[in-house]
C-alpha atoms as a PDB file:
ATOM      1  CA  MET A   1     121.899  25.126 117.312  1.00  0.00           C
ATOM      2  CA  LEU A   2     123.660  27.316 120.010  1.00  0.00           C
ATOM      3  CA  ALA A   3     125.638  29.094 117.116  1.00  0.00           C
ATOM      4  CA  ALA A   4     122.481  29.633 115.221  1.00  0.00           C
ATOM      5  CA  PHE A   5     120.639  31.199 118.166  1.00  0.00           C
ATOM      6  CA  SER A   6     123.687  33.324 118.956  1.00  0.00           C
ATOM      7  CA  LEU A   7     123.628  34.435 115.444  1.00  0.00           C
ATOM      8  CA  LEU A   8     119.745  35.363 115.671  1.00  0.00           C
ATOM      9  CA  LEU A   9     120.655  37.161 118.785  1.00  0.00           C
ATOM     10  CA  PHE A  10     123.184  39.149 117.402  1.00  0.00           C
ATOM     11  CA  LEU A  11     121.235  40.180 114.297  1.00  0.00           C
ATOM     12  CA  PHE A  12     118.300  41.210 116.623  1.00  0.00           C
ATOM     13  CA  PHE A  13     120.539  43.547 118.703  1.00  0.00           C
ATOM     14  CA  ALA A  14     122.035  45.133 115.638  1.00  0.00           C
ATOM     15  CA  GLN A  15     118.645  45.841 113.994  1.00  0.00           C
ATOM     16  CA  LEU A  16     117.618  47.297 117.721  1.00  0.00           C
ATOM     17  CA  THR A  17     120.614  49.504 117.610  1.00  0.00           C
ATOM     18  CA  SER A  18     119.833  50.819 114.164  1.00  0.00           C
ATOM     19  CA  LEU A  19     116.371  51.663 115.001  1.00  0.00           C
ATOM     20  CA  VAL A  20     117.167  53.568 118.189  1.00  0.00           C
ATOM     21  CA  THR A  21     119.862  55.432 116.203  1.00  0.00           C
ATOM     22  CA  ALA A  22     117.168  56.251 113.638  1.00  0.00           C
ATOM     23  CA  LEU A  23     114.752  57.537 116.178  1.00  0.00           C
ATOM     24  CA  SER A  24     117.223  59.702 118.059  1.00  0.00           C
ATOM     25  CA  ALA A  25     119.691  60.909 115.171  1.00  0.00           C
ATOM     26  CA  PRO A  26     121.677  62.969 117.480  1.00  0.00           C
ATOM     27  CA  ARG A  27     123.743  63.950 114.514  1.00  0.00           C
ATOM     28  CA  LEU A  28     120.758  65.870 112.786  1.00  0.00           C
ATOM     29  CA  THR A  29     120.803  68.437 115.616  1.00  0.00           C
ATOM     30  CA  GLY A  30     122.072  71.885 114.720  1.00  0.00           C
ATOM     31  CA  THR A  31     121.622  74.656 112.153  1.00  0.00           C
ATOM     32  CA  TRP A  32     122.539  73.586 108.493  1.00  0.00           C
ATOM     33  CA  THR A  33     122.752  76.228 105.571  1.00  0.00           C
ATOM     34  CA  THR A  34     123.793  75.898 101.961  1.00  0.00           C
ATOM     35  CA  LYS A  35     127.030  77.221 100.521  1.00  0.00           C
ATOM     36  CA  SER A  36     126.361  80.883 100.650  1.00  0.00           C
ATOM     37  CA  LYS A  37     125.828  80.924 104.357  1.00  0.00           C
ATOM     38  CA  LYS A  38     123.777  84.079 104.049  1.00  0.00           C
ATOM     39  CA  VAL A  39     120.363  82.340 104.664  1.00  0.00           C
ATOM     40  CA  LEU A  40     120.069  81.108 108.473  1.00  0.00           C
ATOM     41  CA  THR A  41     117.051  80.060 110.602  1.00  0.00           C
ATOM     42  CA  GLY A  42     116.411  82.149 113.488  1.00  0.00           C
ATOM     43  CA  PRO A  43     115.300  85.899 114.216  1.00  0.00           C
ATOM     44  CA  GLY A  44     117.633  87.036 111.489  1.00  0.00           C
ATOM     45  CA  PHE A  45     115.235  85.594 108.794  1.00  0.00           C
ATOM     46  CA  TYR A  46     111.729  85.954 110.412  1.00  0.00           C
ATOM     47  CA  ASP A  47     110.538  88.460 112.952  1.00  0.00           C
ATOM     48  CA  PRO A  48     107.311  87.122 114.681  1.00  0.00           C
ATOM     49  CA  ILE A  49     106.711  90.346 116.605  1.00  0.00           C
ATOM     50  CA  LYS A  50     106.299  92.439 113.461  1.00  0.00           C
ATOM     51  CA  ASP A  51     105.397  89.481 111.344  1.00  0.00           C
ATOM     52  CA  ARG A  52     108.116  90.287 108.754  1.00  0.00           C
ATOM     53  CA  LEU A  53     110.464  88.358 106.682  1.00  0.00           C
ATOM     54  CA  LYS A  54     113.929  89.804 106.400  1.00  0.00           C
ATOM     55  CA  GLU A  55     115.583  89.334 103.037  1.00  0.00           C
ATOM     56  CA  PRO A  56     119.206  87.949 102.973  1.00  0.00           C
ATOM     57  CA  SER A  57     121.960  89.285 100.642  1.00  0.00           C
ATOM     58  CA  HIS A  58     121.978  86.045  98.685  1.00  0.00           C
ATOM     59  CA  THR A  59     119.608  83.108  97.944  1.00  0.00           C
ATOM     60  CA  GLY A  60     119.962  79.867 100.016  1.00  0.00           C
ATOM     61  CA  ILE A  61     118.266  77.283 102.252  1.00  0.00           C
ATOM     62  CA  SER A  62     118.662  76.632 105.982  1.00  0.00           C
ATOM     63  CA  TYR A  63     117.200  73.847 108.193  1.00  0.00           C
ATOM     64  CA  SER A  64     117.538  73.572 111.877  1.00  0.00           C
ATOM     65  CA  PHE A  65     116.830  70.547 114.087  1.00  0.00           C
ATOM     66  CA  THR A  66     116.732  70.064 117.804  1.00  0.00           C
ATOM     67  CA  ASP A  67     117.413  66.739 119.707  1.00  0.00           C
ATOM     68  CA  ASP A  68     113.690  66.717 121.122  1.00  0.00           C
ATOM     69  CA  GLY A  69     111.914  66.703 117.712  1.00  0.00           C
ATOM     70  CA  PHE A  70     111.517  70.256 116.533  1.00  0.00           C
ATOM     71  CA  TYR A  71     112.716  71.786 113.462  1.00  0.00           C
ATOM     72  CA  GLU A  72     112.809  75.304 111.502  1.00  0.00           C
ATOM     73  CA  GLU A  73     113.305  76.129 107.893  1.00  0.00           C
ATOM     74  CA  ALA A  74     114.057  79.102 105.815  1.00  0.00           C
ATOM     75  CA  HIS A  75     114.225  79.512 102.133  1.00  0.00           C
ATOM     76  CA  PHE A  76     115.104  82.124  99.797  1.00  0.00           C
ATOM     77  CA  ARG A  77     115.307  81.647  96.244  1.00  0.00           C
ATOM     78  CA  ALA A  78     115.065  83.382  92.720  1.00  0.00           C
ATOM     79  CA  VAL A  79     112.831  81.893  90.024  1.00  0.00           C
ATOM     80  CA  ALA A  80     113.883  83.063  86.531  1.00  0.00           C
ATOM     81  CA  ASN A  81     111.386  83.812  83.638  1.00  0.00           C
ATOM     82  CA  PRO A  82     112.945  82.577  80.348  1.00  0.00           C
ATOM     83  CA  THR A  83     110.790  85.044  78.181  1.00  0.00           C
ATOM     84  CA  ARG A  84     111.083  87.922  80.505  1.00  0.00           C
ATOM     85  CA  PRO A  85     114.600  87.987  82.183  1.00  0.00           C
ATOM     86  CA  ASP A  86     113.791  91.195  83.889  1.00  0.00           C
ATOM     87  CA  CYS A  87     110.759  89.617  85.713  1.00  0.00           C
ATOM     88  CA  THR A  88     112.767  87.209  87.939  1.00  0.00           C
ATOM     89  CA  LYS A  89     110.707  86.525  90.974  1.00  0.00           C
ATOM     90  CA  GLY A  90     111.995  86.309  94.637  1.00  0.00           C
ATOM     91  CA  ILE A  91     110.493  83.814  96.939  1.00  0.00           C
ATOM     92  CA  MET A  92     110.929  83.584 100.648  1.00  0.00           C
ATOM     93  CA  GLN A  93     109.445  81.090 102.963  1.00  0.00           C
ATOM     94  CA  PHE A  94     109.542  80.229 106.670  1.00  0.00           C
ATOM     95  CA  GLN A  95     108.020  77.240 108.471  1.00  0.00           C
ATOM     96  CA  HIS A  96     108.626  75.536 111.901  1.00  0.00           C
ATOM     97  CA  GLY A  97     107.194  72.724 113.720  1.00  0.00           C
ATOM     98  CA  THR A  98     107.968  69.097 114.453  1.00  0.00           C
ATOM     99  CA  PHE A  99     109.847  66.455 112.798  1.00  0.00           C
ATOM    100  CA  LYS A 100     109.773  62.438 113.218  1.00  0.00           C
ATOM    101  CA  LEU A 101     112.318  60.042 111.987  1.00  0.00           C
ATOM    102  CA  GLU A 102     110.735  56.787 110.857  1.00  0.00           C
ATOM    103  CA  ALA A 103     112.223  53.186 111.197  1.00  0.00           C
ATOM    104  CA  ASN A 104     112.885  53.138 107.546  1.00  0.00           C
ATOM    105  CA  GLY A 105     115.134  56.324 107.808  1.00  0.00           C
ATOM    106  CA  SER A 106     112.663  58.584 106.129  1.00  0.00           C
ATOM    107  CA  LEU A 107     112.199  62.257 107.624  1.00  0.00           C
ATOM    108  CA  ILE A 108     108.640  63.682 108.273  1.00  0.00           C
ATOM    109  CA  LEU A 109     108.314  67.365 108.942  1.00  0.00           C
ATOM    110  CA  THR A 110     104.951  68.791 110.280  1.00  0.00           C
ATOM    111  CA  PRO A 111     104.734  72.548 110.557  1.00  0.00           C
ATOM    112  CA  PHE A 112     102.664  74.715 112.869  1.00  0.00           C
ATOM    113  CA  ALA A 113      99.962  75.669 110.504  1.00  0.00           C
ATOM    114  CA  ALA A 114      99.357  79.195 111.971  1.00  0.00           C
ATOM    115  CA  ASP A 115     103.067  80.251 111.408  1.00  0.00           C
ATOM    116  CA  GLY A 116     104.083  79.562 107.938  1.00  0.00           C
ATOM    117  CA  ARG A 117     104.835  82.549 105.902  1.00  0.00           C
ATOM    118  CA  GLN A 118     105.601  83.194 102.159  1.00  0.00           C
ATOM    119  CA  LEU A 119     106.697  86.333 100.575  1.00  0.00           C
ATOM    120  CA  VAL A 120     106.612  86.543  96.547  1.00  0.00           C
ATOM    121  CA  SER A 121     108.219  89.388  94.851  1.00  0.00           C
ATOM    122  CA  ASN A 122     107.428  89.913  91.200  1.00  0.00           C
ATOM    123  CA  PRO A 123     108.807  93.437  89.439  1.00  0.00           C
ATOM    124  CA  CYS A 124     106.516  92.705  86.646  1.00  0.00           C
ATOM    125  CA  ALA A 125     103.316  92.082  88.788  1.00  0.00           C
ATOM    126  CA  GLY A 126     103.289  95.309  90.757  1.00  0.00           C
ATOM    127  CA  LYS A 127     105.548  97.582  93.112  1.00  0.00           C
ATOM    128  CA  ASN A 128     104.345  95.645  96.163  1.00  0.00           C
ATOM    129  CA  ALA A 129     105.234  92.046  97.270  1.00  0.00           C
ATOM    130  CA  ALA A 130     102.339  89.427  98.070  1.00  0.00           C
ATOM    131  CA  TYR A 131     102.503  88.041 101.622  1.00  0.00           C
ATOM    132  CA  TYR A 132     100.952  84.456 102.269  1.00  0.00           C
ATOM    133  CA  ARG A 133     100.158  82.291 105.162  1.00  0.00           C
ATOM    134  CA  TYR A 134     101.832  79.096 103.879  1.00  0.00           C
ATOM    135  CA  VAL A 135     101.745  75.557 105.045  1.00  0.00           C
ATOM    136  CA  GLN A 136     103.666  72.725 103.561  1.00  0.00           C
ATOM    137  CA  PRO A 137     104.278  69.309 105.179  1.00  0.00           C
ATOM    138  CA  GLU A 138     107.540  67.625 103.779  1.00  0.00           C
ATOM    139  CA  VAL A 139     108.739  64.043 103.469  1.00  0.00           C
ATOM    140  CA  PHE A 140     112.388  63.119 102.707  1.00  0.00           C
ATOM    141  CA  GLU A 141     113.200  59.769 101.731  1.00  0.00           C
ATOM    142  CA  ARG A 142     116.297  59.839 103.719  1.00  0.00           C
ATOM    143  CA  TYR A 143     119.039  61.842 105.078  1.00  0.00           C
ATOM    144  CA  GLU A 144     122.936  61.525 105.757  1.00  0.00           C
ATOM    145  CA  VAL A 145     125.331  63.554 107.831  1.00  0.00           C
ATOM    146  CA  LEU A 146     129.022  63.171 106.814  1.00  0.00           C
ATOM    147  CA  THR A 147     132.222  65.181 106.588  1.00  0.00           C
ATOM    148  CA  ASP A 148     132.654  66.976 103.571  1.00  0.00           C
ATOM    149  CA  PRO A 149     136.014  66.059 101.944  1.00  0.00           C
ATOM    150  CA  PHE A 150     136.540  69.331 100.523  1.00  0.00           C
ATOM    151  CA  HIS A 151     135.589  71.903 103.237  1.00  0.00           C
ATOM    152  CA  ASN A 152     136.240  69.507 106.154  1.00  0.00           C
ATOM    153  CA  VAL A 153     132.925  70.381 107.893  1.00  0.00           C
ATOM    154  CA  GLN A 154     129.723  68.316 108.842  1.00  0.00           C
ATOM    155  CA  ARG A 155     127.711  68.172 105.609  1.00  0.00           C
ATOM    156  CA  LEU A 156     123.760  67.194 105.777  1.00  0.00           C
ATOM    157  CA  ASN A 157     122.359  65.527 102.593  1.00  0.00           C
ATOM    158  CA  LEU A 158     118.415  65.631 102.132  1.00  0.00           C
ATOM    159  CA  TYR A 159     116.823  63.467  99.521  1.00  0.00           C
ATOM    160  CA  LYS A 160     113.362  64.422  98.571  1.00  0.00           C
ATOM    161  CA  PHE A 161     110.358  62.261  98.826  1.00  0.00           C
ATOM    162  CA  ASP A 162     111.097  60.873  95.282  1.00  0.00           C
ATOM    163  CA  GLY A 163     114.825  60.195  96.105  1.00  0.00           C
ATOM    164  CA  SER A 164     116.197  63.412  94.277  1.00  0.00           C
ATOM    165  CA  PRO A 165     118.893  65.243  96.358  1.00  0.00           C
ATOM    166  CA  MET A 166     118.593  68.839  97.541  1.00  0.00           C
ATOM    167  CA  GLN A 167     121.422  71.287  97.841  1.00  0.00           C
ATOM    168  CA  PRO A 168     123.951  69.991 100.323  1.00  0.00           C
ATOM    169  CA  MET A 169     123.780  72.125 103.601  1.00  0.00           C
ATOM    170  CA  TYR A 170     126.759  72.692 106.072  1.00  0.00           C
ATOM    171  CA  LEU A 171     126.846  72.865 109.780  1.00  0.00           C
ATOM    172  CA  ALA A 172     126.688  76.438 110.867  1.00  0.00           C
ATOM    173  CA  PHE A 173     125.568  76.235 114.527  1.00  0.00           C
ATOM    174  CA  LYS A 174     125.365  73.517 117.154  1.00  0.00           C
ATOM    175  CA  PRO A 175     123.218  73.954 119.284  1.00  0.00           C
ATOM    176  CA  PRO A 176     120.682  75.331 116.646  1.00  0.00           C
ATOM    177  CA  GLN A 177     119.936  78.906 116.125  1.00  0.00           C
ATOM    178  CA  MET A 178     116.004  79.060 115.825  1.00  0.00           C
ATOM    179  CA  LEU A 179     113.018  80.766 117.147  1.00  0.00           C
ATOM    180  CA  PRO A 180     110.943  79.409 120.005  1.00  0.00           C
ATOM    181  CA  THR A 181     109.675  75.894 119.436  1.00  0.00           C
ATOM    182  CA  ARG A 182     105.885  76.710 119.970  1.00  0.00           C
ATOM    183  CA  THR A 183     103.272  78.432 117.809  1.00  0.00           C
ATOM    184  CA  LEU A 184     104.105  82.138 117.544  1.00  0.00           C
ATOM    185  CA  ASN A 185     101.222  83.578 115.768  1.00  0.00           C
ATOM    186  CA  PRO A 186      97.903  81.798 116.907  1.00  0.00           C
ATOM    187  CA  THR A 187      95.117  82.746 114.994  1.00  0.00           C
ATOM    188  CA  ASP A 188      92.500  82.542 117.897  1.00  0.00           C
ATOM    189  CA  GLN A 189      94.510  85.071 120.253  1.00  0.00           C
ATOM    190  CA  LEU A 190      91.655  85.576 122.677  1.00  0.00           C
ATOM    191  CA  GLY A 191      91.303  81.717 123.205  1.00  0.00           C
ATOM    192  CA  ASN A 192      87.902  81.460 121.721  1.00  0.00           C
ATOM    193  CA  ALA A 193      86.963  78.694 119.697  1.00  0.00           C
ATOM    194  CA  ALA A 194      86.571  79.548 116.090  1.00  0.00           C
ATOM    195  CA  ALA A 195      84.240  78.192 113.630  1.00  0.00           C
ATOM    196  CA  PRO A 196      85.423  75.034 111.810  1.00  0.00           C
ATOM    197  CA  GLY A 197      86.930  75.663 108.533  1.00  0.00           C
ATOM    198  CA  ARG A 198      87.478  79.273 108.956  1.00  0.00           C
ATOM    199  CA  SER A 199      88.828  81.882 111.266  1.00  0.00           C
ATOM    200  CA  LYS A 200      89.391  85.833 111.113  1.00  0.00           C
ATOM    201  CA  ARG A 201      92.516  87.797 111.956  1.00  0.00           C
ATOM    202  CA  ARG A 202      94.024  91.037 111.743  1.00  0.00           C
ATOM    203  CA  ALA A 203      96.626  91.422 108.808  1.00  0.00           C
ATOM    204  CA  LYS A 204      99.137  93.819 107.544  1.00  0.00           C
ATOM    205  CA  ARG A 205      98.765  94.545 103.521  1.00  0.00           C
ATOM    206  CA  SER A 206     101.804  95.369 101.580  1.00  0.00           C
ATOM    207  CA  ASP A 207     101.156  99.200 101.738  1.00  0.00           C
ATOM    208  CA  GLY A 208     101.038  99.211 105.459  1.00  0.00           C
ATOM    209  CA  THR A 209      97.273  99.288 106.027  1.00  0.00           C
ATOM    210  CA  ASP A 210      95.331  97.148 108.264  1.00  0.00           C
ATOM    211  CA  ALA A 211      92.655  94.683 107.078  1.00  0.00           C
ATOM    212  CA  GLU A 212      90.683  91.927 108.756  1.00  0.00           C
ATOM    213  CA  GLU A 213      90.873  88.812 106.637  1.00  0.00           C
ATOM    214  CA  GLU A 214      89.159  85.382 106.657  1.00  0.00           C
ATOM    215  CA  ASP A 215      91.062  82.178 106.366  1.00  0.00           C
ATOM    216  CA  LEU A 216      89.322  79.320 104.606  1.00  0.00           C
ATOM    217  CA  GLU A 217      90.311  75.633 105.075  1.00  0.00           C
ATOM    218  CA  THR A 218      90.577  73.568 101.973  1.00  0.00           C
ATOM    219  CA  LEU A 219      87.986  70.827 101.527  1.00  0.00           C
ATOM    220  CA  ASN A 220      90.578  68.231 101.778  1.00  0.00           C
ATOM    221  CA  ARG A 221      91.964  69.286 105.142  1.00  0.00           C
ATOM    222  CA  ASN A 222      94.351  66.503 105.141  1.00  0.00           C
ATOM    223  CA  ALA A 223      95.654  66.981 101.579  1.00  0.00           C
ATOM    224  CA  PHE A 224      99.394  66.781 101.208  1.00  0.00           C
ATOM    225  CA  VAL A 225      99.630  69.930  99.216  1.00  0.00           C
ATOM    226  CA  LYS A 226     100.420  73.584  99.680  1.00  0.00           C
ATOM    227  CA  ARG A 227      97.806  75.756 101.161  1.00  0.00           C
ATOM    228  CA  ARG A 228      98.087  79.367 100.363  1.00  0.00           C
ATOM    229  CA  ALA A 229      95.616  81.899 101.990  1.00  0.00           C
ATOM    230  CA  ASP A 230      95.384  85.546 103.008  1.00  0.00           C
ATOM    231  CA  GLN A 231      96.832  86.995  99.744  1.00  0.00           C
ATOM    232  CA  TYR A 232      97.834  90.494 100.315  1.00  0.00           C
ATOM    233  CA  GLU A 233      96.735  92.214  97.049  1.00  0.00           C
ATOM    234  CA  SER A 234      99.133  94.682  95.791  1.00  0.00           C
ATOM    235  CA  THR A 235      98.008  98.425  95.693  1.00  0.00           C
ATOM    236  CA  ALA A 236      98.674  98.733  92.021  1.00  0.00           C
ATOM    237  CA  MET A 237      96.309  95.974  91.305  1.00  0.00           C
ATOM    238  CA  ASN A 238      93.703  97.586  93.495  1.00  0.00           C
ATOM    239  CA  ARG A 239      94.030 100.883  91.502  1.00  0.00           C
ATOM    240  CA  LEU A 240      93.757  99.063  88.226  1.00  0.00           C
ATOM    241  CA  TRP A 241      90.466  97.297  89.351  1.00  0.00           C
ATOM    242  CA  TRP A 242      89.144 100.508  90.580  1.00  0.00           C
ATOM    243  CA  LEU A 243      89.768 102.140  87.207  1.00  0.00           C
ATOM    244  CA  GLY A 244      88.202  99.216  85.305  1.00  0.00           C
ATOM    245  CA  VAL A 245      85.038 100.215  87.647  1.00  0.00           C
ATOM    246  CA  ILE A 246      85.012 103.625  86.787  1.00  0.00           C
ATOM    247  CA  MET A 247      85.573 103.270  83.051  1.00  0.00           C
ATOM    248  CA  THR A 248      82.749 100.722  82.833  1.00  0.00           C
ATOM    249  CA  SER A 249      80.232 103.025  84.921  1.00  0.00           C
ATOM    250  CA  VAL A 250      81.212 105.938  82.513  1.00  0.00           C
ATOM    251  CA  GLY A 251      80.683 103.946  79.449  1.00  0.00           C
ATOM    252  CA  GLY A 252      77.379 102.726  80.760  1.00  0.00           C
ATOM    253  CA  VAL A 253      76.088 106.239  81.443  1.00  0.00           C
ATOM    254  CA  ALA A 254      77.354 107.222  78.201  1.00  0.00           C
ATOM    255  CA  LEU A 255      75.335 104.452  76.327  1.00  0.00           C
ATOM    256  CA  ILE A 256      72.294 105.374  78.213  1.00  0.00           C
ATOM    257  CA  TYR A 257      72.388 109.226  77.279  1.00  0.00           C
ATOM    258  CA  LYS A 258      73.331 108.164  73.691  1.00  0.00           C
END
């Protein structure tokens, strides 16, 4: 009886130790980056003062985690077009916010909604890139930190919600290289309460001009999906639109006089 009780007590403390480890996860702390080492979180990727993403020399991914529950991520990737090889898209994404480690080992990332940014460059869609506000919560089924046998450095393996692995990342900085762990671009800077579901902000278009744009919340505000708002239309597309209006007007006048 005493032996059985001792065994149960041992198993209880073993599970408790595992739970505490999963909730604190000190080995996750640091800045991690993929093999190119050209994409790193911090001010070298996103400038919150100028509200500008800085293009690295190579594609890659970087994640940073603090020991008190904050994270930051930087993505730069190329998306090929099989039918038009000259139309490869370039996509840059920045987010930061808080993360939580669940007891089952999963990792939940919740971004600051006002700060996420996405830049899409498509040479076949116009000369100017499109700049978006970007919000995408993330769930990783699990993660693991180990010593890479080939490079002899700490490696982070993240597994998506469906269990598929992401590119391995390697420890670049510890403590992490990050921007301040707070909202950097609050949408209501004057402190006035905005109407539920919408707000206005001053924005920069890709041609450098200012514009006041309205943000609209999705109907399902808690949907676990990407929300892309505030698209900055390219100058070329605006010119094509006005050209269409002018041609339609000229055609209408000609039809009347005919």
